[in-house]
Amino acid sequence: MLTQFQFKGRKLFASLSYIIFTIYTIFAIYLLFLSPYRQSAHTRFETSGAAYNLVPFKTIHDYIRASDHINFDAWFSNLAGNVLVFMPLGFFLPLLFTKFMTFWRTTLVVMGSTLSVELLQYGLKVGSLDVDDIILNTVGGIIGYIVYKVIYFLFRLFKR
């Protein structure tokens, strides 16, 4: 619990961090499972009403190739949105839980979380099972982790 940071007001910062993490978690669940966008997700590969893509980088390639033919909102939500939605998880895991201070533990939890989301979306038929989403979400988590590490480094540098 934020033991890596020692400063005045740490308890308040910890409480606020947990509150923000909880709000993020609720927002992510809504966005990934309950939002109108998710309910009307465009499906490309139909199997019993649920979409899937198991070919790495296929969806990413398709969106990049068709970028001048599709709506920017669709492009952004499918590529950048998948990165952005898991960035906070990569940031908050090492901030709030000391056992996630390492890159690999954080990355594995982010990857496991996104795999769980993809399987649930497929099973509940509220989205698609897409290996590219797992890749993009994991990249987002890694970026969040890197942001955390940079802030941690700067905090320690200026604390001296």
Protein backbone atom coordinates (compact mmCIF):
# COMPACT_ATOMS: atom_id res chain seq x y z
CA MET A 1 0.00 0.00 0.00
CA LEU A 2 2.10 2.86 -1.29
CA THR A 3 4.98 1.88 1.02
CA GLN A 4 7.43 2.88 -1.69
CA PHE A 5 6.47 6.55 -1.20
CA GLN A 6 7.23 8.41 2.02
CA PHE A 7 5.92 11.96 2.25
CA LYS A 8 3.59 14.14 4.25
CA GLY A 9 -0.01 13.44 3.31
CA ARG A 10 0.74 9.88 2.18
CA LYS A 11 -2.36 8.45 3.88
CA LEU A 12 -4.63 10.92 2.10
CA PHE A 13 -2.85 10.18 -1.19
CA ALA A 14 -3.31 6.43 -0.59
CA SER A 15 -7.02 6.86 0.14
CA LEU A 16 -7.53 8.99 -2.96
CA SER A 17 -5.57 6.50 -5.06
CA TYR A 18 -7.81 3.63 -3.93
CA ILE A 19 -10.93 5.69 -4.62
CA ILE A 20 -9.70 6.61 -8.11
CA PHE A 21 -8.77 2.96 -8.77
CA THR A 22 -12.27 1.87 -7.70
CA ILE A 23 -13.89 4.48 -9.96
CA TYR A 24 -11.65 3.37 -12.84
CA THR A 25 -12.62 -0.27 -12.26
CA ILE A 26 -16.35 0.55 -12.29
CA PHE A 27 -15.93 2.69 -15.42
CA ALA A 28 -13.93 -0.06 -17.18
CA ILE A 29 -16.59 -2.67 -16.37
CA TYR A 30 -19.29 -0.36 -17.72
CA LEU A 31 -17.29 0.47 -20.85
CA LEU A 32 -16.30 -3.12 -21.59
CA PHE A 33 -19.60 -4.84 -20.81
CA LEU A 34 -22.55 -2.49 -20.40
CA SER A 35 -22.11 0.56 -22.63
CA PRO A 36 -24.37 1.04 -25.66
CA TYR A 37 -21.23 0.92 -27.85
CA ARG A 38 -20.43 -2.57 -26.57
CA GLN A 39 -24.00 -3.76 -27.02
CA SER A 40 -23.94 -2.74 -30.69
CA ALA A 41 -20.37 -3.75 -31.45
CA HIS A 42 -19.77 -4.47 -35.11
CA THR A 43 -18.91 -8.13 -35.61
CA ARG A 44 -16.85 -9.48 -38.45
CA PHE A 45 -16.61 -13.22 -37.77
CA GLU A 46 -19.89 -14.76 -36.64
CA THR A 47 -20.15 -18.01 -34.72
CA SER A 48 -23.41 -18.59 -32.82
CA GLY A 49 -23.96 -14.83 -32.65
CA ALA A 50 -20.55 -14.02 -31.19
CA ALA A 51 -17.54 -12.64 -33.04
CA TYR A 52 -13.95 -13.78 -32.79
CA ASN A 53 -10.49 -13.23 -34.30
CA LEU A 54 -7.62 -15.50 -33.32
CA VAL A 55 -5.10 -14.24 -35.89
CA PRO A 56 -2.60 -11.86 -34.23
CA PHE A 57 -2.48 -8.35 -35.75
CA LYS A 58 -5.28 -9.09 -38.26
CA THR A 59 -7.77 -6.58 -36.83
CA ILE A 60 -5.02 -4.01 -36.27
CA HIS A 61 -3.87 -4.45 -39.87
CA ASP A 62 -7.44 -4.23 -41.19
CA TYR A 63 -8.10 -0.98 -39.30
CA ILE A 64 -4.81 0.59 -40.41
CA ARG A 65 -5.38 -0.44 -44.02
CA ALA A 66 -8.93 0.92 -44.04
CA SER A 67 -8.20 4.04 -41.97
CA ASP A 68 -9.13 6.42 -44.78
CA HIS A 69 -12.42 4.57 -45.41
CA ILE A 70 -13.81 4.26 -41.89
CA ASN A 71 -15.12 6.69 -39.32
CA PHE A 72 -12.40 8.13 -37.06
CA ASP A 73 -14.47 7.31 -33.96
CA ALA A 74 -14.56 3.62 -34.91
CA TRP A 75 -10.83 3.61 -35.65
CA PHE A 76 -9.97 5.42 -32.41
CA SER A 77 -12.20 3.32 -30.16
CA ASN A 78 -10.93 0.06 -31.62
CA LEU A 79 -7.21 0.83 -31.67
CA ALA A 80 -6.32 3.68 -29.32
CA GLY A 81 -9.29 2.97 -27.06
CA ASN A 82 -8.09 -0.58 -26.44
CA VAL A 83 -4.69 0.78 -25.40
CA LEU A 84 -6.11 3.57 -23.22
CA VAL A 85 -8.62 1.47 -21.28
CA PHE A 86 -5.93 -0.68 -19.62
CA MET A 87 -3.30 2.02 -19.03
CA PRO A 88 -4.69 2.86 -15.57
CA LEU A 89 -4.49 -0.80 -14.52
CA GLY A 90 -0.78 -0.89 -15.40
CA PHE A 91 -0.30 2.31 -13.42
CA PHE A 92 -2.36 1.49 -10.32
CA LEU A 93 -1.22 -2.11 -9.75
CA PRO A 94 2.36 -1.23 -8.77
CA LEU A 95 1.23 1.97 -7.06
CA LEU A 96 -1.26 0.27 -4.75
CA PHE A 97 0.08 -3.27 -4.35
CA THR A 98 3.76 -3.93 -3.61
CA LYS A 99 3.70 -7.42 -5.11
CA PHE A 100 3.06 -5.81 -8.51
CA MET A 101 6.17 -3.63 -8.42
CA THR A 102 7.83 -5.84 -11.04
CA PHE A 103 7.22 -5.48 -14.76
CA TRP A 104 6.40 -9.15 -15.36
CA ARG A 105 3.88 -9.50 -12.54
CA THR A 106 2.04 -6.40 -13.65
CA THR A 107 2.15 -7.46 -17.30
CA LEU A 108 0.84 -10.95 -16.50
CA VAL A 109 -2.05 -9.56 -14.43
CA VAL A 110 -2.94 -7.07 -17.17
CA MET A 111 -2.78 -9.82 -19.80
CA GLY A 112 -4.84 -12.18 -17.63
CA SER A 113 -7.39 -9.45 -16.98
CA THR A 114 -7.78 -8.63 -20.64
CA LEU A 115 -8.02 -12.32 -21.57
CA SER A 116 -10.79 -12.66 -18.96
CA VAL A 117 -12.58 -9.65 -20.42
CA GLU A 118 -12.35 -11.06 -23.95
CA LEU A 119 -13.66 -14.47 -22.88
CA LEU A 120 -16.52 -12.89 -20.92
CA GLN A 121 -17.45 -10.61 -23.83
CA TYR A 122 -17.50 -13.62 -26.13
CA GLY A 123 -19.49 -15.76 -23.70
CA LEU A 124 -21.98 -13.00 -22.87
CA LYS A 125 -22.18 -11.92 -26.54
CA VAL A 126 -21.50 -8.27 -25.72
CA GLY A 127 -18.37 -7.95 -27.82
CA SER A 128 -15.86 -10.02 -29.68
CA LEU A 129 -13.05 -12.35 -28.71
CA ASP A 130 -10.12 -10.71 -30.50
CA VAL A 131 -6.48 -11.56 -29.89
CA ASP A 132 -5.62 -8.05 -31.10
CA ASP A 133 -7.63 -6.59 -28.21
CA ILE A 134 -5.49 -8.67 -25.84
CA ILE A 135 -2.34 -7.33 -27.52
CA LEU A 136 -3.52 -3.69 -27.46
CA ASN A 137 -4.85 -3.89 -23.88
CA THR A 138 -1.57 -5.41 -22.71
CA VAL A 139 0.39 -2.66 -24.47
CA GLY A 140 -1.81 -0.15 -22.64
CA GLY A 141 -1.05 -1.82 -19.31
CA ILE A 142 2.68 -1.77 -20.10
CA ILE A 143 2.50 1.94 -20.96
CA GLY A 144 0.71 2.57 -17.65
CA TYR A 145 3.44 0.65 -15.84
CA ILE A 146 6.16 2.69 -17.58
CA VAL A 147 4.38 5.94 -16.62
CA TYR A 148 4.30 4.71 -13.01
CA LYS A 149 8.02 3.86 -13.08
CA VAL A 150 8.93 7.27 -14.55
CA ILE A 151 6.92 9.06 -11.86
CA TYR A 152 8.43 6.83 -9.18
CA PHE A 153 11.95 7.55 -10.49
CA LEU A 154 11.30 11.31 -10.58
CA PHE A 155 9.78 11.22 -7.08
CA ARG A 156 12.86 9.49 -5.70
CA LEU A 157 15.19 11.79 -7.65
CA PHE A 158 13.62 14.99 -6.34
CA LYS A 159 13.02 13.61 -2.84
CA ARG A 160 16.80 13.52 -2.22
